[in-house]
Amino acid sequence: MGKNKKIKGLSLIESLVCLVIVGIGFIGVNQMITYATSSIDRSIDANKINFLSETAIEDIMGDPNNASNYSFSQQCTKNYSSTGSLADKAKAKWAKHFMQENQLKINNKFKKLPCDQLDTKEANITSDADRTSIKFKFKSNKGKKEKFIGVVVK
């Protein structure tokens, strides 16, 4: 009669299968983290665009009789000069906010967020006898994403 031996422990093949299963799990978790991070970045950009455009629209709504002076267009250049009129001061403030200066602080140093030449911010004012309306257009992500917000001023 032969003796039945009970083998205790794991074989090499079982260990490798376990490592493969755990590795696949780590890859899946890593991909979920990457997707979640990019989703958060997109959400932050959308919220920032909404906030900045609403701020700009409130500035224009505060000066409805001169709304036509608030036409605005900016790429990734610094043009903050203001000549003294309320519209020029507001546009200089928008330009500074849209360039996102001093909004991100890492290790006690302010960082400038990346901006591509295809990223634009525009405010188009249309007026007729009855009403004045504003349309803000933002292009981000190297000009690939567009966001619009519009309002009737008066």
Protein backbone atom coordinates (compact mmCIF):
# COMPACT_ATOMS: atom_id res chain seq x y z
CA MET A 1 0.00 0.00 0.00
CA GLY A 2 1.12 3.49 -0.85
CA LYS A 3 1.12 6.25 1.65
CA ASN A 4 -0.94 9.36 0.94
CA LYS A 5 1.21 12.38 1.53
CA LYS A 6 -0.46 15.66 2.27
CA ILE A 7 1.53 18.51 0.79
CA LYS A 8 1.39 21.62 2.88
CA GLY A 9 2.05 25.13 1.58
CA LEU A 10 1.72 26.72 -1.82
CA SER A 11 3.20 25.56 -5.03
CA LEU A 12 5.08 27.92 -7.33
CA ILE A 13 2.26 27.91 -9.88
CA GLU A 14 -0.34 28.86 -7.27
CA SER A 15 1.88 31.74 -6.11
CA LEU A 16 2.26 33.04 -9.67
CA VAL A 17 -1.49 32.86 -10.30
CA CYS A 18 -2.09 34.81 -7.10
CA LEU A 19 0.43 37.47 -8.15
CA VAL A 20 -1.23 37.83 -11.56
CA ILE A 21 -4.68 38.25 -10.01
CA VAL A 22 -3.41 40.83 -7.51
CA GLY A 23 -1.49 42.64 -10.31
CA ILE A 24 -4.62 42.88 -12.46
CA GLY A 25 -6.47 44.34 -9.48
CA PHE A 26 -3.77 46.98 -8.97
CA ILE A 27 -3.87 47.92 -12.65
CA GLY A 28 -7.65 48.37 -12.46
CA VAL A 29 -7.40 50.53 -9.35
CA ASN A 30 -4.65 52.62 -10.95
CA GLN A 31 -6.79 53.25 -14.04
CA MET A 32 -9.74 54.28 -11.88
CA ILE A 33 -7.55 56.74 -9.97
CA THR A 34 -6.26 58.23 -13.23
CA TYR A 35 -9.79 58.62 -14.60
CA ALA A 36 -11.06 60.14 -11.35
CA THR A 37 -8.20 62.65 -11.29
CA SER A 38 -8.82 63.78 -14.88
CA SER A 39 -12.56 63.99 -14.17
CA ILE A 40 -11.90 66.21 -11.15
CA ASP A 41 -9.63 68.44 -13.28
CA ARG A 42 -12.35 68.84 -15.92
CA SER A 43 -14.91 69.64 -13.24
CA ILE A 44 -12.65 72.26 -11.66
CA ASP A 45 -12.09 73.88 -15.07
CA ALA A 46 -15.83 73.99 -15.77
CA ASN A 47 -16.56 75.51 -12.36
CA LYS A 48 -13.79 78.06 -12.80
CA ILE A 49 -15.11 79.08 -16.22
CA ASN A 50 -18.63 79.45 -14.81
CA PHE A 51 -17.41 81.53 -11.88
CA LEU A 52 -15.21 83.81 -14.00
CA SER A 53 -17.87 84.41 -16.64
CA GLU A 54 -20.54 85.10 -14.02
CA THR A 55 -18.19 87.58 -12.34
CA ALA A 56 -17.59 89.32 -15.65
CA ILE A 57 -21.31 89.40 -16.47
CA GLU A 58 -22.07 90.92 -13.07
CA ASP A 59 -19.53 93.67 -13.83
CA ILE A 60 -21.31 94.43 -17.09
CA MET A 61 -24.74 94.29 -15.50
CA GLY A 62 -23.53 96.86 -12.98
CA ASP A 63 -22.86 99.28 -15.86
CA PRO A 64 -25.64 98.45 -18.38
CA ASN A 65 -25.63 101.81 -20.18
CA ASN A 66 -22.00 101.25 -21.26
CA ALA A 67 -22.27 97.52 -21.96
CA SER A 68 -20.97 97.93 -25.52
CA ASN A 69 -17.58 99.01 -24.09
CA TYR A 70 -17.03 95.59 -22.52
CA SER A 71 -16.08 93.61 -25.64
CA PHE A 72 -13.16 91.45 -24.66
CA SER A 73 -10.78 88.93 -26.23
CA GLN A 74 -7.74 87.33 -24.66
CA GLN A 75 -5.35 84.50 -25.35
CA CYS A 76 -2.38 83.53 -23.18
CA THR A 77 -0.87 86.98 -23.07
CA LYS A 78 -0.73 89.47 -20.26
CA ASN A 79 -2.55 92.65 -21.20
CA TYR A 80 -3.72 94.12 -17.94
CA SER A 81 -3.46 97.80 -18.73
CA SER A 82 -6.44 99.93 -17.89
CA THR A 83 -6.87 103.52 -18.98
CA GLY A 84 -9.31 104.60 -16.32
CA SER A 85 -12.83 103.89 -17.53
CA LEU A 86 -14.90 101.41 -15.56
CA ALA A 87 -15.01 99.03 -18.55
CA ASP A 88 -11.22 99.11 -19.00
CA LYS A 89 -10.63 98.44 -15.30
CA ALA A 90 -13.07 95.53 -15.38
CA LYS A 91 -11.43 94.05 -18.49
CA ALA A 92 -7.98 94.34 -16.87
CA LYS A 93 -9.34 92.51 -13.83
CA TRP A 94 -10.84 89.78 -16.04
CA ALA A 95 -7.57 89.37 -17.94
CA LYS A 96 -5.71 88.86 -14.69
CA HIS A 97 -8.27 86.32 -13.44
CA PHE A 98 -8.41 84.51 -16.77
CA MET A 99 -4.62 84.14 -16.76
CA GLN A 100 -5.07 82.48 -13.36
CA GLU A 101 -2.22 84.30 -11.70
CA ASN A 102 -1.66 83.72 -8.00
CA GLN A 103 -4.49 81.19 -7.80
CA LEU A 104 -2.42 78.04 -7.27
CA LYS A 105 0.09 77.89 -4.43
CA ILE A 106 2.43 74.90 -4.09
CA ASN A 107 5.27 74.80 -1.56
CA ASN A 108 4.69 78.49 -0.72
CA LYS A 109 5.24 79.47 -4.37
CA PHE A 110 2.55 80.65 -6.74
CA LYS A 111 2.33 78.60 -9.92
CA LYS A 112 0.89 79.69 -13.24
CA LEU A 113 -1.38 77.10 -14.78
CA PRO A 114 -0.62 76.09 -18.36
CA CYS A 115 -2.34 77.99 -21.15
CA ASP A 116 -2.15 77.21 -24.85
CA GLN A 117 -2.36 79.85 -27.61
CA LEU A 118 -5.57 78.15 -28.80
CA ASP A 119 -7.22 78.78 -25.41
CA THR A 120 -9.23 81.99 -25.74
CA LYS A 121 -11.66 84.00 -23.67
CA GLU A 122 -14.07 86.33 -25.48
CA ALA A 123 -16.97 88.57 -24.56
CA ASN A 124 -19.15 89.58 -27.48
CA ILE A 125 -21.73 92.30 -26.94
CA THR A 126 -24.72 92.65 -29.24
CA SER A 127 -27.10 95.58 -28.99
CA ASP A 128 -30.24 96.62 -30.77
CA ALA A 129 -32.93 99.15 -29.95
CA ASP A 130 -34.65 96.93 -27.38
CA ARG A 131 -31.91 94.99 -25.63
CA THR A 132 -28.22 94.36 -25.07
CA SER A 133 -26.90 90.84 -24.67
CA ILE A 134 -23.51 89.36 -23.82
CA LYS A 135 -22.07 86.06 -24.91
CA PHE A 136 -18.92 84.76 -23.24
CA LYS A 137 -17.02 82.08 -25.09
CA PHE A 138 -14.21 80.12 -23.46
CA LYS A 139 -11.95 77.71 -25.28
CA SER A 140 -9.75 75.47 -23.14
CA ASN A 141 -7.78 72.23 -23.40
CA LYS A 142 -5.75 73.54 -26.36
CA GLY A 143 -8.87 74.93 -28.01
CA LYS A 144 -10.67 71.57 -28.01
CA LYS A 145 -13.31 72.37 -25.38
CA GLU A 146 -15.73 75.27 -25.77
CA LYS A 147 -18.02 76.74 -23.14
CA PHE A 148 -20.60 79.47 -23.71
CA ILE A 149 -22.60 81.55 -21.32
CA GLY A 150 -24.91 84.36 -22.29
CA VAL A 151 -27.18 86.87 -20.64
CA VAL A 152 -29.40 89.79 -21.57
CA VAL A 153 -28.16 92.92 -19.79
CA LYS A 154 -31.03 95.27 -20.55
